[in-house]
Amino acid sequence: MTVTATPRPTGHPGYSQTLERVPESAGAARSLVRTALAAWQQDGLIEDALCVITELVSNAVDHACCSVIRVVVTRPADDRVLLAVVDRSRDLPRTGTDRDAERLRGRGLVLVDALSDRWGTEPHRWGKTVWAELSGEAAAGG
């Protein structure tokens, strides 16, 4: 699979990678996130960001259709990092409830909510993007 780095208005490249919709793709997504955060010197976000992207990818693997997903890591502002997974399913994710507390699965978006500053979905005619935003450190001098 090819990793793409694209210039962005903030001056930081965005990173994206198309991956197979299989559980093993969570590892490749973590590698992409780790690479982007290291390039942006956002080491303090790595642990939370890796958990968040793992949950977003796992959710897409479990519930999306088609054979691939797209992982996107961008920096919409100097002090923010956006993690996203794009898939071809129009079904929007649902968070677990208190009744789900004993379940081993189905609580990933609760974790995403706890670790990110905000998260959401962007529906498309052909699918959706599920994203989470984390606050980082502004670049020195910016």
Protein backbone atom coordinates (compact mmCIF):
# COMPACT_ATOMS: atom_id res chain seq x y z
CA MET A 1 0.00 0.00 0.00
CA THR A 2 1.15 3.53 -0.73
CA VAL A 3 1.50 6.24 1.89
CA THR A 4 0.69 9.73 0.63
CA ALA A 5 2.00 12.98 2.12
CA THR A 6 0.09 16.04 0.92
CA PRO A 7 0.91 19.72 1.62
CA ARG A 8 -1.66 21.47 3.82
CA PRO A 9 -2.50 25.14 4.53
CA THR A 10 -0.88 24.91 7.98
CA GLY A 11 2.44 24.03 6.36
CA HIS A 12 2.35 20.50 7.76
CA PRO A 13 1.88 17.63 5.31
CA GLY A 14 -1.14 15.41 5.73
CA TYR A 15 -0.59 11.67 5.67
CA SER A 16 -2.96 9.04 4.30
CA GLN A 17 -2.89 5.38 3.45
CA THR A 18 -5.38 3.00 1.87
CA LEU A 19 -5.48 -0.30 3.75
CA GLU A 20 -7.27 -3.60 3.46
CA ARG A 21 -10.31 -3.86 5.70
CA VAL A 22 -8.76 -6.53 7.91
CA PRO A 23 -7.84 -6.48 11.63
CA GLU A 24 -4.12 -6.43 10.82
CA SER A 25 -4.53 -2.99 9.23
CA ALA A 26 -4.69 -1.45 12.71
CA GLY A 27 -0.92 -2.00 12.95
CA ALA A 28 -0.27 -0.19 9.66
CA ALA A 29 -2.56 2.65 10.78
CA ARG A 30 -0.62 2.97 14.06
CA SER A 31 2.62 3.13 12.09
CA LEU A 32 1.24 5.93 9.91
CA VAL A 33 0.08 7.90 12.96
CA ARG A 34 3.42 7.39 14.72
CA THR A 35 5.28 8.62 11.60
CA ALA A 36 3.12 11.74 11.28
CA LEU A 37 3.31 12.65 14.97
CA ALA A 38 7.08 12.17 15.01
CA ALA A 39 7.44 14.39 11.93
CA TRP A 40 5.35 17.06 13.66
CA GLN A 41 7.19 16.64 16.98
CA GLN A 42 3.96 15.72 18.77
CA ASP A 43 5.42 12.91 20.87
CA GLY A 44 3.11 13.71 23.79
CA LEU A 45 0.10 12.63 21.72
CA ILE A 46 1.44 9.30 20.53
CA GLU A 47 -0.05 7.03 23.20
CA ASP A 48 -3.58 8.47 23.01
CA ALA A 49 -3.48 8.81 19.22
CA LEU A 50 -2.46 5.17 18.78
CA CYS A 51 -5.39 4.04 20.93
CA VAL A 52 -7.80 6.28 19.04
CA ILE A 53 -6.72 5.18 15.55
CA THR A 54 -6.81 1.53 16.62
CA GLU A 55 -10.43 1.94 17.73
CA LEU A 56 -11.44 3.84 14.59
CA VAL A 57 -9.87 1.20 12.33
CA SER A 58 -11.34 -1.66 14.37
CA ASN A 59 -14.79 -0.11 14.08
CA ALA A 60 -14.43 0.18 10.30
CA VAL A 61 -13.14 -3.39 10.02
CA ASP A 62 -16.11 -4.68 12.04
CA HIS A 63 -18.89 -2.62 10.47
CA ALA A 64 -17.92 -1.21 7.06
CA CYS A 65 -18.37 -2.81 3.68
CA CYS A 66 -15.99 -3.08 0.72
CA SER A 67 -12.46 -4.36 0.88
CA VAL A 68 -10.50 -1.21 1.79
CA ILE A 69 -10.49 1.72 4.21
CA ARG A 70 -8.52 4.95 4.11
CA VAL A 71 -6.65 6.28 7.15
CA VAL A 72 -5.94 10.02 7.20
CA VAL A 73 -3.75 11.98 9.63
CA THR A 74 -3.75 15.77 9.29
CA ARG A 75 -2.92 18.83 11.29
CA PRO A 76 -5.74 21.35 10.76
CA ALA A 77 -3.96 23.85 13.05
CA ASP A 78 -0.57 24.05 14.75
CA ASP A 79 -2.05 22.81 18.02
CA ARG A 80 -4.44 20.11 16.69
CA VAL A 81 -4.14 16.69 15.09
CA LEU A 82 -7.00 15.05 13.22
CA LEU A 83 -7.22 11.26 12.84
CA ALA A 84 -9.80 9.85 10.43
CA VAL A 85 -10.93 6.61 8.85
CA VAL A 86 -12.91 6.72 5.62
CA ASP A 87 -15.03 3.78 4.51
CA ARG A 88 -17.78 2.98 2.01
CA SER A 89 -20.52 2.18 4.54
CA ARG A 90 -23.20 4.81 5.06
CA ASP A 91 -24.14 3.34 8.46
CA LEU A 92 -23.08 5.76 11.18
CA PRO A 93 -21.34 4.42 14.29
CA ARG A 94 -23.12 4.21 17.63
CA THR A 95 -21.51 4.54 21.02
CA GLY A 96 -21.98 1.88 23.68
CA THR A 97 -24.31 2.39 26.63
CA ASP A 98 -24.12 1.67 30.34
CA ARG A 99 -25.82 -1.65 29.63
CA ASP A 100 -22.79 -2.56 27.50
CA ALA A 101 -20.36 -2.18 30.42
CA GLU A 102 -19.90 -5.94 30.81
CA ARG A 103 -19.32 -6.56 27.11
CA LEU A 104 -15.77 -7.06 25.90
CA ARG A 105 -16.47 -5.36 22.57
CA GLY A 106 -18.50 -2.41 21.42
CA ARG A 107 -16.99 0.25 23.66
CA GLY A 108 -14.36 1.63 21.27
CA LEU A 109 -16.10 4.92 20.58
CA VAL A 110 -16.50 5.50 24.33
CA LEU A 111 -12.70 5.27 24.50
CA VAL A 112 -12.33 7.58 21.48
CA ASP A 113 -14.60 10.09 23.22
CA ALA A 114 -12.52 9.92 26.41
CA LEU A 115 -9.14 10.31 24.68
CA SER A 116 -9.98 12.94 22.08
CA ASP A 117 -11.06 16.56 22.43
CA ARG A 118 -13.91 15.89 20.05
CA TRP A 119 -14.92 13.32 17.48
CA GLY A 120 -17.64 12.90 14.92
CA THR A 121 -18.78 11.57 11.60
CA GLU A 122 -19.03 13.14 8.20
CA PRO A 123 -21.54 11.30 6.02
CA HIS A 124 -20.93 11.13 2.29
CA ARG A 125 -23.21 9.94 -0.49
CA TRP A 126 -20.92 6.92 -0.91
CA GLY A 127 -19.86 6.28 2.71
CA LYS A 128 -18.56 8.20 5.70
CA THR A 129 -15.56 9.59 7.54
CA VAL A 130 -15.22 8.97 11.26
CA TRP A 131 -12.74 11.40 12.81
CA ALA A 132 -11.24 12.39 16.14
CA GLU A 133 -9.31 15.52 17.03
CA LEU A 134 -6.61 15.75 19.68
CA SER A 135 -4.90 18.86 21.04
CA GLY A 136 -1.15 18.94 20.71
CA GLU A 137 1.55 21.52 21.14
CA ALA A 138 1.86 24.47 18.79
CA ALA A 139 5.02 24.48 16.71
CA ALA A 140 7.83 26.61 18.08
CA GLY A 141 7.54 30.11 16.67
CA GLY A 142 4.02 29.40 15.38
